[in-house]
Amino acid sequence: MDLVFDKGDLQNPRGHALLYFRVDTEQDTVYATYVVTLPVKSDLTKYVPPFLASHLGNMPLNDLSAFAMPPVPEALSNYSELERLSDLRQDDLVYGGNMFSFDLPRMMEMATEAVQVYSGLCSDALTMNSTPAEGAAAAIGEELRETLEMPVAPEPEPESQPEQDDSYNVNEVLFSFMSETDKLGELSKLLGRLRFAVDGADQAAADEVGAEITVLARHLPENYKVADLLDAAKDNSDRSSQLAKLYIDRCFRLSAGEASAAIELDAQIQLLRDQV
């Protein structure tokens, strides 16, 4: 993920930032969260009882150095309010890219990824601004830590016959029990995985996810045009990326009974398809 600094310096971040995202189909809305990097790492396992720790998800309790609050970006009616707050508080104002506002798990995932990138920029800036001796010590310490943590290569296991893959049959059963809302949420997650595989030129992973989407399409109405969505998502061009976003948004609009919004999206899709 590449972060764009609207305010602040990419080479010297302040350590605290207003992070925002946009949605193609919601031109006047931004989704924002606040990112903080801590100068001192915290071990929250000292303070959180074990029975509560399991409810905090994947938060690194024993090595908390950066986080976003709220963890899922919240909608704001205009960008100018973010600019005002950034100027008032002397925060970095950082753009994290486009996302789907309907897919809450993916929104949280993108915010977490942006926190990691921003925290890395802060760490790099501290390293660059340290004295030569401090920089050398940090580099040696990091290299030593990586060496100590490097896993021992396991003995190769004898080759075995590949087992039959029953995952698609399992998915058929799972999808049949899901509500339509859950199916669309699963479709959004699969679409994100597919785009990641396509951007990384991982054809095997793309084929696997594409097969899962094909199975899921059999459990959604035909007018949702999931097959057309899949065709668009398999291409990593900007035009196809836009088409995929419009198609998934159209699915959610149809599910919500917003027929007029779906018709507007159909018109946008057709305009993109007509482009040479």
C-alpha atoms as a PDB file:
ATOM      1  CA  MET A   1       0.000   0.000   0.000  1.00  0.00           C
ATOM      2  CA  ASP A   2       1.273   3.480  -0.944  1.00  0.00           C
ATOM      3  CA  LEU A   3       0.290   6.366   1.336  1.00  0.00           C
ATOM      4  CA  VAL A   4      -0.140   9.894  -0.047  1.00  0.00           C
ATOM      5  CA  PHE A   5       0.675  12.759   2.318  1.00  0.00           C
ATOM      6  CA  ASP A   6      -1.735  15.655   1.654  1.00  0.00           C
ATOM      7  CA  LYS A   7      -0.185  17.419   4.653  1.00  0.00           C
ATOM      8  CA  GLY A   8       3.094  16.494   6.309  1.00  0.00           C
ATOM      9  CA  ASP A   9       6.337  15.007   5.029  1.00  0.00           C
ATOM     10  CA  LEU A  10       6.631  11.417   3.774  1.00  0.00           C
ATOM     11  CA  GLN A  11      10.320  11.410   4.743  1.00  0.00           C
ATOM     12  CA  ASN A  12       9.697  12.802   8.217  1.00  0.00           C
ATOM     13  CA  PRO A  13       6.214  11.870   9.505  1.00  0.00           C
ATOM     14  CA  ARG A  14       5.050  13.352  12.791  1.00  0.00           C
ATOM     15  CA  GLY A  15       4.003  10.034  14.308  1.00  0.00           C
ATOM     16  CA  HIS A  16       0.303  10.924  14.452  1.00  0.00           C
ATOM     17  CA  ALA A  17      -1.975  11.243  11.449  1.00  0.00           C
ATOM     18  CA  LEU A  18      -5.530  11.601  10.210  1.00  0.00           C
ATOM     19  CA  LEU A  19      -5.850   8.714   7.768  1.00  0.00           C
ATOM     20  CA  TYR A  20      -8.675   8.729   5.233  1.00  0.00           C
ATOM     21  CA  PHE A  21     -10.051   6.639   2.369  1.00  0.00           C
ATOM     22  CA  ARG A  22     -12.496   7.319  -0.447  1.00  0.00           C
ATOM     23  CA  VAL A  23     -15.246   5.290  -2.151  1.00  0.00           C
ATOM     24  CA  ASP A  24     -15.703   5.758  -5.911  1.00  0.00           C
ATOM     25  CA  THR A  25     -19.484   5.787  -5.702  1.00  0.00           C
ATOM     26  CA  GLU A  26     -19.625   8.249  -2.752  1.00  0.00           C
ATOM     27  CA  GLN A  27     -17.946  11.352  -4.155  1.00  0.00           C
ATOM     28  CA  ASP A  28     -18.662  13.702  -1.238  1.00  0.00           C
ATOM     29  CA  THR A  29     -17.804  11.315   1.593  1.00  0.00           C
ATOM     30  CA  VAL A  30     -14.464  10.382   3.151  1.00  0.00           C
ATOM     31  CA  TYR A  31     -13.858   7.592   5.665  1.00  0.00           C
ATOM     32  CA  ALA A  32     -11.347   8.550   8.353  1.00  0.00           C
ATOM     33  CA  THR A  33      -9.528   7.201  11.395  1.00  0.00           C
ATOM     34  CA  TYR A  34      -6.711   8.499  13.624  1.00  0.00           C
ATOM     35  CA  VAL A  35      -3.308   6.801  13.635  1.00  0.00           C
ATOM     36  CA  VAL A  36      -0.858   7.008  16.523  1.00  0.00           C
ATOM     37  CA  THR A  37       2.670   5.607  16.726  1.00  0.00           C
ATOM     38  CA  LEU A  38       4.019   5.225  20.248  1.00  0.00           C
ATOM     39  CA  PRO A  39       7.598   6.344  21.074  1.00  0.00           C
ATOM     40  CA  VAL A  40       7.683   3.612  23.730  1.00  0.00           C
ATOM     41  CA  LYS A  41       6.401   0.130  22.941  1.00  0.00           C
ATOM     42  CA  SER A  42       3.753  -1.173  25.322  1.00  0.00           C
ATOM     43  CA  ASP A  43       3.164  -4.678  26.653  1.00  0.00           C
ATOM     44  CA  LEU A  44      -0.577  -4.698  27.326  1.00  0.00           C
ATOM     45  CA  THR A  45      -0.528  -8.299  28.513  1.00  0.00           C
ATOM     46  CA  LYS A  46       0.533  -6.855  31.895  1.00  0.00           C
ATOM     47  CA  TYR A  47      -2.779  -5.022  32.196  1.00  0.00           C
ATOM     48  CA  VAL A  48      -5.353  -7.071  30.241  1.00  0.00           C
ATOM     49  CA  PRO A  49      -6.789 -10.132  31.991  1.00  0.00           C
ATOM     50  CA  PRO A  50      -6.409 -13.330  29.934  1.00  0.00           C
ATOM     51  CA  PHE A  51     -10.168 -13.807  29.622  1.00  0.00           C
ATOM     52  CA  LEU A  52     -10.443 -10.395  27.898  1.00  0.00           C
ATOM     53  CA  ALA A  53      -7.420 -10.795  25.619  1.00  0.00           C
ATOM     54  CA  SER A  54      -9.282 -13.220  23.330  1.00  0.00           C
ATOM     55  CA  HIS A  55     -11.835 -10.501  22.547  1.00  0.00           C
ATOM     56  CA  LEU A  56      -9.263  -8.055  21.188  1.00  0.00           C
ATOM     57  CA  GLY A  57      -8.706  -9.851  17.868  1.00  0.00           C
ATOM     58  CA  ASN A  58      -5.240  -9.774  16.321  1.00  0.00           C
ATOM     59  CA  MET A  59      -3.998  -6.743  18.250  1.00  0.00           C
ATOM     60  CA  PRO A  60      -0.311  -7.386  19.196  1.00  0.00           C
ATOM     61  CA  LEU A  61      -0.803  -6.966  22.936  1.00  0.00           C
ATOM     62  CA  ASN A  62       2.781  -7.807  23.862  1.00  0.00           C
ATOM     63  CA  ASP A  63       4.328  -5.362  21.366  1.00  0.00           C
ATOM     64  CA  LEU A  64       1.905  -2.488  20.717  1.00  0.00           C
ATOM     65  CA  SER A  65       3.726   0.295  18.880  1.00  0.00           C
ATOM     66  CA  ALA A  66       1.047   1.761  16.565  1.00  0.00           C
ATOM     67  CA  PHE A  67      -2.719   1.614  16.201  1.00  0.00           C
ATOM     68  CA  ALA A  68      -5.743   3.264  14.574  1.00  0.00           C
ATOM     69  CA  MET A  69      -8.810   4.445  16.437  1.00  0.00           C
ATOM     70  CA  PRO A  70     -11.511   3.756  15.452  1.00  0.00           C
ATOM     71  CA  PRO A  71     -10.268   0.493  13.895  1.00  0.00           C
ATOM     72  CA  VAL A  72     -12.872   0.791  11.108  1.00  0.00           C
ATOM     73  CA  PRO A  73     -12.770   4.211   9.381  1.00  0.00           C
ATOM     74  CA  GLU A  74     -15.848   6.360  10.037  1.00  0.00           C
ATOM     75  CA  ALA A  75     -17.731   8.348   7.374  1.00  0.00           C
ATOM     76  CA  LEU A  76     -17.323  12.140   7.298  1.00  0.00           C
ATOM     77  CA  SER A  77     -19.442  14.391   5.117  1.00  0.00           C
ATOM     78  CA  ASN A  78     -16.582  16.450   3.720  1.00  0.00           C
ATOM     79  CA  TYR A  79     -12.819  16.521   3.256  1.00  0.00           C
ATOM     80  CA  SER A  80     -12.429  20.140   4.389  1.00  0.00           C
ATOM     81  CA  GLU A  81     -13.177  19.144   7.992  1.00  0.00           C
ATOM     82  CA  LEU A  82     -10.180  16.785   7.914  1.00  0.00           C
ATOM     83  CA  GLU A  83      -7.986  19.595   6.574  1.00  0.00           C
ATOM     84  CA  ARG A  84      -9.158  21.930   9.349  1.00  0.00           C
ATOM     85  CA  LEU A  85      -8.480  19.340  12.053  1.00  0.00           C
ATOM     86  CA  SER A  86      -5.082  18.524  10.585  1.00  0.00           C
ATOM     87  CA  ASP A  87      -4.040  22.188  10.615  1.00  0.00           C
ATOM     88  CA  LEU A  88      -5.431  22.747  14.104  1.00  0.00           C
ATOM     89  CA  ARG A  89      -3.754  19.689  15.659  1.00  0.00           C
ATOM     90  CA  GLN A  90      -0.608  19.664  13.498  1.00  0.00           C
ATOM     91  CA  ASP A  91      -1.362  16.117  12.342  1.00  0.00           C
ATOM     92  CA  ASP A  92      -0.206  14.478   9.133  1.00  0.00           C
ATOM     93  CA  LEU A  93      -3.113  14.164   6.680  1.00  0.00           C
ATOM     94  CA  VAL A  94      -2.682  10.886   4.799  1.00  0.00           C
ATOM     95  CA  TYR A  95      -4.702   9.311   1.973  1.00  0.00           C
ATOM     96  CA  GLY A  96      -4.834   5.508   2.039  1.00  0.00           C
ATOM     97  CA  GLY A  97      -6.647   4.830  -1.245  1.00  0.00           C
ATOM     98  CA  ASN A  98     -10.091   3.621  -2.356  1.00  0.00           C
ATOM     99  CA  MET A  99     -12.186   0.925  -0.694  1.00  0.00           C
ATOM    100  CA  PHE A 100     -15.692  -0.537  -0.444  1.00  0.00           C
ATOM    101  CA  SER A 101     -17.760   1.046   2.326  1.00  0.00           C
ATOM    102  CA  PHE A 102     -20.002  -2.046   2.526  1.00  0.00           C
ATOM    103  CA  ASP A 103     -17.191  -4.461   3.442  1.00  0.00           C
ATOM    104  CA  LEU A 104     -16.395  -3.744   7.105  1.00  0.00           C
ATOM    105  CA  PRO A 105     -13.773  -6.529   7.504  1.00  0.00           C
ATOM    106  CA  ARG A 106     -11.915  -5.252   4.443  1.00  0.00           C
ATOM    107  CA  MET A 107     -12.119  -1.661   5.737  1.00  0.00           C
ATOM    108  CA  MET A 108     -10.505  -2.758   9.005  1.00  0.00           C
ATOM    109  CA  GLU A 109      -7.876  -4.732   7.068  1.00  0.00           C
ATOM    110  CA  MET A 110      -6.963  -1.698   4.922  1.00  0.00           C
ATOM    111  CA  ALA A 111      -6.739   0.548   7.989  1.00  0.00           C
ATOM    112  CA  THR A 112      -4.451  -1.981   9.715  1.00  0.00           C
ATOM    113  CA  GLU A 113      -2.244  -2.198   6.622  1.00  0.00           C
ATOM    114  CA  ALA A 114      -2.022   1.600   6.441  1.00  0.00           C
ATOM    115  CA  VAL A 115      -1.028   1.744  10.133  1.00  0.00           C
ATOM    116  CA  GLN A 116       1.806  -0.708   9.457  1.00  0.00           C
ATOM    117  CA  VAL A 117       3.037   1.333   6.472  1.00  0.00           C
ATOM    118  CA  TYR A 118       2.833   4.629   8.395  1.00  0.00           C
ATOM    119  CA  SER A 119       4.585   3.104  11.412  1.00  0.00           C
ATOM    120  CA  GLY A 120       7.332   1.824   9.097  1.00  0.00           C
ATOM    121  CA  LEU A 121       7.819   5.313   7.668  1.00  0.00           C
ATOM    122  CA  CYS A 122       8.141   6.677  11.210  1.00  0.00           C
ATOM    123  CA  SER A 123      10.726   4.014  12.101  1.00  0.00           C
ATOM    124  CA  ASP A 124      12.696   4.734   8.925  1.00  0.00           C
ATOM    125  CA  ALA A 125      12.703   8.448   9.724  1.00  0.00           C
ATOM    126  CA  LEU A 126      14.024   7.793  13.232  1.00  0.00           C
ATOM    127  CA  THR A 127      16.782   5.601  11.811  1.00  0.00           C
ATOM    128  CA  MET A 128      17.768   8.228   9.239  1.00  0.00           C
ATOM    129  CA  ASN A 129      17.871  10.954  11.913  1.00  0.00           C
ATOM    130  CA  SER A 130      19.972   8.941  14.390  1.00  0.00           C
ATOM    131  CA  THR A 131      23.715   9.356  14.802  1.00  0.00           C
ATOM    132  CA  PRO A 132      26.021   6.989  12.824  1.00  0.00           C
ATOM    133  CA  ALA A 133      26.760   5.009  15.979  1.00  0.00           C
ATOM    134  CA  GLU A 134      23.058   4.701  16.811  1.00  0.00           C
ATOM    135  CA  GLY A 135      22.238   3.671  13.255  1.00  0.00           C
ATOM    136  CA  ALA A 136      24.954   1.014  13.208  1.00  0.00           C
ATOM    137  CA  ALA A 137      23.856  -0.351  16.565  1.00  0.00           C
ATOM    138  CA  ALA A 138      20.243  -0.527  15.421  1.00  0.00           C
ATOM    139  CA  ALA A 139      21.214  -2.304  12.206  1.00  0.00           C
ATOM    140  CA  ILE A 140      23.411  -4.828  14.025  1.00  0.00           C
ATOM    141  CA  GLY A 141      20.713  -5.433  16.633  1.00  0.00           C
ATOM    142  CA  GLU A 142      18.062  -6.003  13.970  1.00  0.00           C
ATOM    143  CA  GLU A 143      20.304  -8.369  12.017  1.00  0.00           C
ATOM    144  CA  LEU A 144      21.098 -10.339  15.181  1.00  0.00           C
ATOM    145  CA  ARG A 145      17.407 -10.546  16.106  1.00  0.00           C
ATOM    146  CA  GLU A 146      16.481 -11.839  12.641  1.00  0.00           C
ATOM    147  CA  THR A 147      19.289 -14.407  12.810  1.00  0.00           C
ATOM    148  CA  LEU A 148      18.137 -15.696  16.199  1.00  0.00           C
ATOM    149  CA  GLU A 149      14.512 -15.840  15.069  1.00  0.00           C
ATOM    150  CA  MET A 150      15.282 -17.599  11.786  1.00  0.00           C
ATOM    151  CA  PRO A 151      13.529 -20.992  11.887  1.00  0.00           C
ATOM    152  CA  VAL A 152      15.531 -24.158  11.450  1.00  0.00           C
ATOM    153  CA  ALA A 153      14.779 -25.755   8.100  1.00  0.00           C
ATOM    154  CA  PRO A 154      12.707 -28.908   8.690  1.00  0.00           C
ATOM    155  CA  GLU A 155      13.670 -32.252   7.270  1.00  0.00           C
ATOM    156  CA  PRO A 156      11.945 -32.856   3.926  1.00  0.00           C
ATOM    157  CA  GLU A 157       8.952 -35.135   4.271  1.00  0.00           C
ATOM    158  CA  PRO A 158       8.364 -37.995   1.850  1.00  0.00           C
ATOM    159  CA  GLU A 159       6.088 -37.105  -1.028  1.00  0.00           C
ATOM    160  CA  SER A 160       2.539 -38.262  -0.647  1.00  0.00           C
ATOM    161  CA  GLN A 161      -0.278 -38.635  -3.098  1.00  0.00           C
ATOM    162  CA  PRO A 162      -2.392 -35.457  -3.334  1.00  0.00           C
ATOM    163  CA  GLU A 163      -5.706 -35.781  -1.597  1.00  0.00           C
ATOM    164  CA  GLN A 164      -8.939 -34.916  -3.335  1.00  0.00           C
ATOM    165  CA  ASP A 165      -9.878 -31.247  -2.806  1.00  0.00           C
ATOM    166  CA  ASP A 166     -13.354 -31.141  -1.313  1.00  0.00           C
ATOM    167  CA  SER A 167     -13.247 -27.407  -0.517  1.00  0.00           C
ATOM    168  CA  TYR A 168     -15.628 -26.497  -3.319  1.00  0.00           C
ATOM    169  CA  ASN A 169     -18.199 -29.015  -2.104  1.00  0.00           C
ATOM    170  CA  VAL A 170     -17.838 -27.580   1.400  1.00  0.00           C
ATOM    171  CA  ASN A 171     -18.316 -24.067   0.031  1.00  0.00           C
ATOM    172  CA  GLU A 172     -21.494 -25.152  -1.755  1.00  0.00           C
ATOM    173  CA  VAL A 173     -22.942 -26.220   1.586  1.00  0.00           C
ATOM    174  CA  LEU A 174     -21.716 -23.132   3.455  1.00  0.00           C
ATOM    175  CA  PHE A 175     -23.034 -20.706   0.848  1.00  0.00           C
ATOM    176  CA  SER A 176     -26.422 -22.410   0.812  1.00  0.00           C
ATOM    177  CA  PHE A 177     -26.887 -21.628   4.529  1.00  0.00           C
ATOM    178  CA  MET A 178     -25.725 -17.997   4.326  1.00  0.00           C
ATOM    179  CA  SER A 179     -28.070 -15.019   4.203  1.00  0.00           C
ATOM    180  CA  GLU A 180     -27.811 -12.801   1.141  1.00  0.00           C
ATOM    181  CA  THR A 181     -26.016 -10.138   3.180  1.00  0.00           C
ATOM    182  CA  ASP A 182     -23.428 -12.692   4.330  1.00  0.00           C
ATOM    183  CA  LYS A 183     -22.995 -13.938   0.752  1.00  0.00           C
ATOM    184  CA  LEU A 184     -22.269 -10.410  -0.467  1.00  0.00           C
ATOM    185  CA  GLY A 185     -19.829  -9.889   2.391  1.00  0.00           C
ATOM    186  CA  GLU A 186     -18.069 -13.113   1.382  1.00  0.00           C
ATOM    187  CA  LEU A 187     -18.093 -11.956  -2.253  1.00  0.00           C
ATOM    188  CA  SER A 188     -16.360  -8.704  -1.247  1.00  0.00           C
ATOM    189  CA  LYS A 189     -13.652 -10.601   0.660  1.00  0.00           C
ATOM    190  CA  LEU A 190     -13.092 -13.002  -2.239  1.00  0.00           C
ATOM    191  CA  LEU A 191     -12.899 -10.075  -4.641  1.00  0.00           C
ATOM    192  CA  GLY A 192     -10.214  -8.448  -2.507  1.00  0.00           C
ATOM    193  CA  ARG A 193      -8.202 -11.703  -2.487  1.00  0.00           C
ATOM    194  CA  LEU A 194      -8.602 -12.025  -6.250  1.00  0.00           C
ATOM    195  CA  ARG A 195      -7.402  -8.485  -6.929  1.00  0.00           C
ATOM    196  CA  PHE A 196      -4.384  -9.090  -4.666  1.00  0.00           C
ATOM    197  CA  ALA A 197      -3.521 -12.284  -6.570  1.00  0.00           C
ATOM    198  CA  VAL A 198      -3.972 -10.614  -9.969  1.00  0.00           C
ATOM    199  CA  ASP A 199      -1.838  -7.600  -8.993  1.00  0.00           C
ATOM    200  CA  GLY A 200       0.852  -9.992  -7.764  1.00  0.00           C
ATOM    201  CA  ALA A 201       0.680 -12.101 -10.943  1.00  0.00           C
ATOM    202  CA  ASP A 202      -0.136 -15.183  -8.821  1.00  0.00           C
ATOM    203  CA  GLN A 203      -2.144 -17.125 -11.392  1.00  0.00           C
ATOM    204  CA  ALA A 204      -2.657 -20.200  -9.203  1.00  0.00           C
ATOM    205  CA  ALA A 205      -4.168 -18.150  -6.389  1.00  0.00           C
ATOM    206  CA  ALA A 206      -6.270 -16.145  -8.851  1.00  0.00           C
ATOM    207  CA  ASP A 207      -7.693 -19.342 -10.373  1.00  0.00           C
ATOM    208  CA  GLU A 208      -8.482 -20.742  -6.928  1.00  0.00           C
ATOM    209  CA  VAL A 209     -10.322 -17.629  -5.775  1.00  0.00           C
ATOM    210  CA  GLY A 210     -12.059 -17.332  -9.148  1.00  0.00           C
ATOM    211  CA  ALA A 211     -13.408 -20.862  -8.724  1.00  0.00           C
ATOM    212  CA  GLU A 212     -14.760 -19.951  -5.258  1.00  0.00           C
ATOM    213  CA  ILE A 213     -16.517 -16.892  -6.688  1.00  0.00           C
ATOM    214  CA  THR A 214     -18.042 -19.063  -9.427  1.00  0.00           C
ATOM    215  CA  VAL A 215     -19.454 -21.378  -6.771  1.00  0.00           C
ATOM    216  CA  LEU A 216     -20.802 -18.435  -4.789  1.00  0.00           C
ATOM    217  CA  ALA A 217     -22.408 -16.952  -7.924  1.00  0.00           C
ATOM    218  CA  ARG A 218     -24.712 -19.987  -8.124  1.00  0.00           C
ATOM    219  CA  HIS A 219     -26.216 -18.918  -4.785  1.00  0.00           C
ATOM    220  CA  LEU A 220     -26.937 -15.305  -5.799  1.00  0.00           C
ATOM    221  CA  PRO A 221     -29.596 -13.942  -8.194  1.00  0.00           C
ATOM    222  CA  GLU A 222     -28.585 -13.996 -11.865  1.00  0.00           C
ATOM    223  CA  ASN A 223     -29.299 -10.269 -12.277  1.00  0.00           C
ATOM    224  CA  TYR A 224     -26.438  -9.538  -9.832  1.00  0.00           C
ATOM    225  CA  LYS A 225     -24.114 -10.314 -12.779  1.00  0.00           C
ATOM    226  CA  VAL A 226     -21.431 -11.931 -10.634  1.00  0.00           C
ATOM    227  CA  ALA A 227     -19.928 -13.583 -13.727  1.00  0.00           C
ATOM    228  CA  ASP A 228     -19.366 -10.148 -15.298  1.00  0.00           C
ATOM    229  CA  LEU A 229     -17.867  -8.959 -12.003  1.00  0.00           C
ATOM    230  CA  LEU A 230     -15.474 -11.921 -12.047  1.00  0.00           C
ATOM    231  CA  ASP A 231     -14.389 -11.199 -15.638  1.00  0.00           C
ATOM    232  CA  ALA A 232     -13.614  -7.582 -14.738  1.00  0.00           C
ATOM    233  CA  ALA A 233     -11.723  -8.511 -11.562  1.00  0.00           C
ATOM    234  CA  LYS A 234      -9.419 -10.888 -13.453  1.00  0.00           C
ATOM    235  CA  ASP A 235      -7.910  -7.941 -15.370  1.00  0.00           C
ATOM    236  CA  ASN A 236      -5.562  -5.603 -13.491  1.00  0.00           C
ATOM    237  CA  SER A 237      -6.132  -2.565 -15.747  1.00  0.00           C
ATOM    238  CA  ASP A 238      -7.493   0.643 -14.210  1.00  0.00           C
ATOM    239  CA  ARG A 239     -10.653   0.379 -16.321  1.00  0.00           C
ATOM    240  CA  SER A 240     -11.344  -3.171 -15.151  1.00  0.00           C
ATOM    241  CA  SER A 241     -10.679  -2.198 -11.536  1.00  0.00           C
ATOM    242  CA  GLN A 242     -13.289   0.550 -11.842  1.00  0.00           C
ATOM    243  CA  LEU A 243     -15.736  -1.903 -13.409  1.00  0.00           C
ATOM    244  CA  ALA A 244     -15.253  -4.398 -10.581  1.00  0.00           C
ATOM    245  CA  LYS A 245     -15.961  -1.705  -7.962  1.00  0.00           C
ATOM    246  CA  LEU A 246     -19.114  -0.631  -9.777  1.00  0.00           C
ATOM    247  CA  TYR A 247     -20.335  -4.229 -10.113  1.00  0.00           C
ATOM    248  CA  ILE A 248     -19.885  -5.038  -6.402  1.00  0.00           C
ATOM    249  CA  ASP A 249     -21.545  -1.772  -5.399  1.00  0.00           C
ATOM    250  CA  ARG A 250     -24.437  -2.649  -7.749  1.00  0.00           C
ATOM    251  CA  CYS A 251     -24.857  -6.019  -5.991  1.00  0.00           C
ATOM    252  CA  PHE A 252     -25.218  -4.321  -2.609  1.00  0.00           C
ATOM    253  CA  ARG A 253     -27.649  -1.748  -4.002  1.00  0.00           C
ATOM    254  CA  LEU A 254     -29.862  -4.462  -5.481  1.00  0.00           C
ATOM    255  CA  SER A 255     -29.780  -6.396  -2.221  1.00  0.00           C
ATOM    256  CA  ALA A 256     -30.841  -3.244  -0.341  1.00  0.00           C
ATOM    257  CA  GLY A 257     -33.753  -2.689  -2.739  1.00  0.00           C
ATOM    258  CA  GLU A 258     -32.217   0.490  -4.187  1.00  0.00           C
ATOM    259  CA  ALA A 259     -33.263  -0.142  -7.790  1.00  0.00           C
ATOM    260  CA  SER A 260     -32.749   3.448  -8.957  1.00  0.00           C
ATOM    261  CA  ALA A 261     -29.168   3.493  -7.645  1.00  0.00           C
ATOM    262  CA  ALA A 262     -28.520   0.167  -9.402  1.00  0.00           C
ATOM    263  CA  ILE A 263     -29.792   1.641 -12.679  1.00  0.00           C
ATOM    264  CA  GLU A 264     -27.396   4.584 -12.329  1.00  0.00           C
ATOM    265  CA  LEU A 265     -24.562   2.150 -11.757  1.00  0.00           C
ATOM    266  CA  ASP A 266     -25.627   0.200 -14.871  1.00  0.00           C
ATOM    267  CA  ALA A 267     -25.234   3.405 -16.879  1.00  0.00           C
ATOM    268  CA  GLN A 268     -21.737   4.012 -15.447  1.00  0.00           C
ATOM    269  CA  ILE A 269     -20.788   0.399 -16.193  1.00  0.00           C
ATOM    270  CA  GLN A 270     -21.968   0.720 -19.785  1.00  0.00           C
ATOM    271  CA  LEU A 271     -19.986   3.935 -20.249  1.00  0.00           C
ATOM    272  CA  LEU A 272     -16.831   2.198 -19.063  1.00  0.00           C
ATOM    273  CA  ARG A 273     -17.505  -0.833 -21.254  1.00  0.00           C
ATOM    274  CA  ASP A 274     -17.937   1.404 -24.313  1.00  0.00           C
ATOM    275  CA  GLN A 275     -14.503   2.942 -23.807  1.00  0.00           C
ATOM    276  CA  VAL A 276     -11.911   1.634 -26.245  1.00  0.00           C
END
